[in-house]
Protein backbone atom coordinates (compact mmCIF):
# COMPACT_ATOMS: atom_id res chain seq x y z
CA MET A 1 -29.06 53.46 -30.69
CA GLU A 2 -27.95 53.29 -34.31
CA HIS A 3 -26.21 49.95 -33.62
CA GLN A 4 -29.45 48.51 -32.17
CA SER A 5 -31.38 49.71 -35.20
CA LYS A 6 -28.94 48.01 -37.61
CA SER A 7 -29.06 44.83 -35.54
CA LEU A 8 -32.85 44.76 -35.71
CA MET A 9 -32.82 45.52 -39.43
CA SER A 10 -30.41 42.67 -40.09
CA ARG A 11 -32.69 40.25 -38.20
CA LEU A 12 -35.91 41.51 -39.79
CA PRO A 13 -35.90 39.09 -42.75
CA ALA A 14 -35.50 36.12 -40.40
CA LEU A 15 -38.32 37.43 -38.20
CA VAL A 16 -40.61 37.87 -41.19
CA VAL A 17 -39.85 34.33 -42.39
CA ALA A 18 -40.54 32.96 -38.91
CA LEU A 19 -43.86 34.81 -38.72
CA VAL A 20 -44.88 33.56 -42.17
CA ILE A 21 -44.03 29.99 -41.19
CA ILE A 22 -45.95 30.27 -37.91
CA GLY A 23 -48.91 31.82 -39.74
CA GLY A 24 -48.82 29.06 -42.36
CA ILE A 25 -48.82 26.39 -39.69
CA GLY A 26 -51.80 28.11 -38.07
CA VAL A 27 -53.70 28.12 -41.36
CA MET A 28 -52.90 24.44 -41.94
CA ILE A 29 -54.14 23.53 -38.47
CA SER A 30 -57.27 25.63 -38.96
CA ASN A 31 -58.01 23.94 -42.29
CA ALA A 32 -57.42 20.49 -40.82
CA VAL A 33 -59.77 21.21 -37.94
CA SER A 34 -62.56 22.60 -40.12
CA THR A 35 -62.78 20.03 -42.90
CA PRO A 36 -66.39 18.99 -43.58
CA ASP A 37 -65.96 15.45 -42.29
CA GLN A 38 -64.93 16.83 -38.90
CA ASP A 39 -67.58 19.53 -38.63
CA ALA A 40 -69.95 18.79 -35.82
CA VAL A 41 -73.53 19.74 -36.45
CA ALA A 42 -74.48 22.13 -33.69
CA GLU A 43 -77.55 21.27 -31.69
CA LEU A 44 -80.27 21.20 -34.29
CA ILE A 45 -83.50 23.08 -34.11
CA ILE A 46 -86.26 20.62 -34.87
CA PRO A 47 -89.13 22.56 -36.46
CA ASN A 48 -92.82 21.85 -36.54
CA LEU A 49 -93.05 19.96 -39.81
CA SER A 50 -95.56 20.20 -42.61
CA PRO A 51 -97.54 17.01 -43.30
CA ALA A 52 -95.29 16.23 -46.30
CA ALA A 53 -92.15 16.74 -44.23
CA GLU A 54 -93.57 14.64 -41.38
CA THR A 55 -94.03 11.80 -43.88
CA GLY A 56 -90.50 12.49 -45.13
CA LYS A 57 -89.16 12.21 -41.58
CA GLN A 58 -90.68 8.74 -41.32
CA VAL A 59 -89.09 7.77 -44.65
CA PHE A 60 -85.77 9.23 -43.48
CA ASP A 61 -85.92 7.45 -40.11
CA ASN A 62 -86.67 4.12 -41.81
CA ASN A 63 -84.14 4.37 -44.65
CA CYS A 64 -81.48 7.01 -43.99
CA ALA A 65 -81.01 7.67 -40.28
CA ALA A 66 -78.83 4.60 -39.70
CA CYS A 67 -76.07 6.33 -41.68
CA HIS A 68 -77.09 10.00 -41.78
CA GLY A 69 -78.14 10.17 -38.12
CA ALA A 70 -81.24 11.20 -36.25
CA ASN A 71 -82.59 14.42 -37.72
CA ALA A 72 -79.94 14.24 -40.47
CA SER A 73 -77.20 15.15 -37.98
CA GLY A 74 -74.67 12.61 -39.34
CA THR A 75 -72.89 9.60 -37.87
CA ASP A 76 -69.54 7.93 -38.34
CA MET A 77 -71.14 6.15 -41.31
CA GLY A 78 -72.61 9.11 -43.19
CA PRO A 79 -72.51 12.90 -43.36
CA PRO A 80 -75.03 15.29 -41.85
CA LEU A 81 -77.60 16.44 -44.39
CA ALA A 82 -78.46 19.29 -42.03
CA HIS A 83 -75.23 20.93 -43.14
CA THR A 84 -74.60 23.95 -45.34
CA ILE A 85 -72.86 21.78 -47.96
CA TYR A 86 -76.30 20.37 -48.77
CA ASN A 87 -77.93 23.80 -49.22
CA PRO A 88 -80.16 23.99 -52.33
CA GLY A 89 -77.59 26.04 -54.24
CA HIS A 90 -75.00 23.30 -53.94
CA HIS A 91 -77.20 20.21 -53.87
CA SER A 92 -80.53 20.73 -55.60
CA ASP A 93 -83.58 18.71 -54.70
CA ALA A 94 -82.88 16.63 -57.80
CA ALA A 95 -79.49 15.68 -56.33
CA PHE A 96 -81.26 13.79 -53.55
CA PHE A 97 -83.34 11.87 -56.12
CA ILE A 98 -80.25 11.03 -58.14
CA ALA A 99 -78.35 10.00 -55.01
CA ALA A 100 -81.12 7.64 -53.89
CA LYS A 101 -81.57 6.16 -57.37
CA ASN A 102 -77.91 5.81 -58.39
CA GLY A 103 -75.94 6.03 -55.16
CA VAL A 104 -73.17 8.58 -54.61
CA ARG A 105 -69.43 8.38 -54.92
CA ARG A 106 -67.60 9.89 -51.96
CA HIS A 107 -66.78 13.51 -52.74
CA HIS A 108 -67.22 15.94 -49.81
CA TRP A 109 -66.67 13.54 -46.96
CA ASN A 110 -64.57 10.54 -46.03
CA PHE A 111 -67.42 8.11 -45.43
CA GLY A 112 -67.09 6.07 -48.59
CA ASP A 113 -69.65 5.64 -51.34
CA MET A 114 -73.40 5.58 -50.68
CA PRO A 115 -75.15 2.66 -52.37
CA PRO A 116 -78.39 3.19 -54.31
CA GLN A 117 -81.53 3.20 -52.15
CA SER A 118 -83.90 1.59 -54.62
CA GLN A 119 -86.42 0.69 -51.88
CA VAL A 120 -87.36 4.39 -51.59
CA SER A 121 -90.06 5.41 -54.08
CA GLU A 122 -90.23 8.75 -55.91
CA ASP A 123 -93.18 9.85 -53.76
CA GLU A 124 -91.24 8.96 -50.62
CA LEU A 125 -88.24 10.90 -51.93
CA THR A 126 -90.43 13.94 -52.52
CA SER A 127 -91.52 13.92 -48.88
CA LEU A 128 -87.99 13.11 -47.69
CA VAL A 129 -86.60 16.16 -49.50
CA SER A 130 -89.36 18.27 -47.92
CA TYR A 131 -88.21 17.02 -44.51
CA ILE A 132 -84.54 17.77 -45.16
CA ARG A 133 -85.28 21.24 -46.56
CA GLU A 134 -87.56 22.19 -43.65
CA LEU A 135 -84.94 20.96 -41.19
CA GLN A 136 -82.26 22.96 -43.02
CA VAL A 137 -84.31 26.17 -43.11
CA ALA A 138 -85.06 25.90 -39.39
CA ASN A 139 -81.31 25.73 -38.83
CA GLY A 140 -80.40 28.68 -41.04
CA ILE A 141 -79.33 26.63 -44.05
CA THR A 142 -80.71 28.36 -47.11
CA TYR A 143 -79.86 28.72 -50.77
CA GLN A 144 -76.28 29.81 -51.39
CA PRO A 145 -74.97 29.99 -54.95
CA HIS A 146 -72.38 27.31 -55.63
CA ASN A 147 -69.05 28.78 -56.69
CA MET A 148 -66.23 26.56 -57.80
């Protein structure tokens, strides 16, 4: 019995190293699978919209849906805005105005840069943000403080 115990003890460091390597590979795979650009938006709950948000949906459908998808669910050309990354604590309402006015450099996703959307007026943006926020809230996306 003592011989078996020594044998196990002598192999223990190699076993620990193997487990750490296997665990590290698992973490790497997990991180690769859950990057934002690969997150699928679960089936969205489409809420009854306020009049402002209903107008915003029309603005979105006419100007944004081609890239950001129906109901802001994303496409292969643009990220889903009905995603926790766009919660008000990380992307304020003003961020949507700035994005439409100035465009956006790729930063969370691998879709490339978004060009300015100068055809969308400030009033339209106000209603568009109402639409996105109501859609987010219906899907459990609420304010979360942004921590870097």
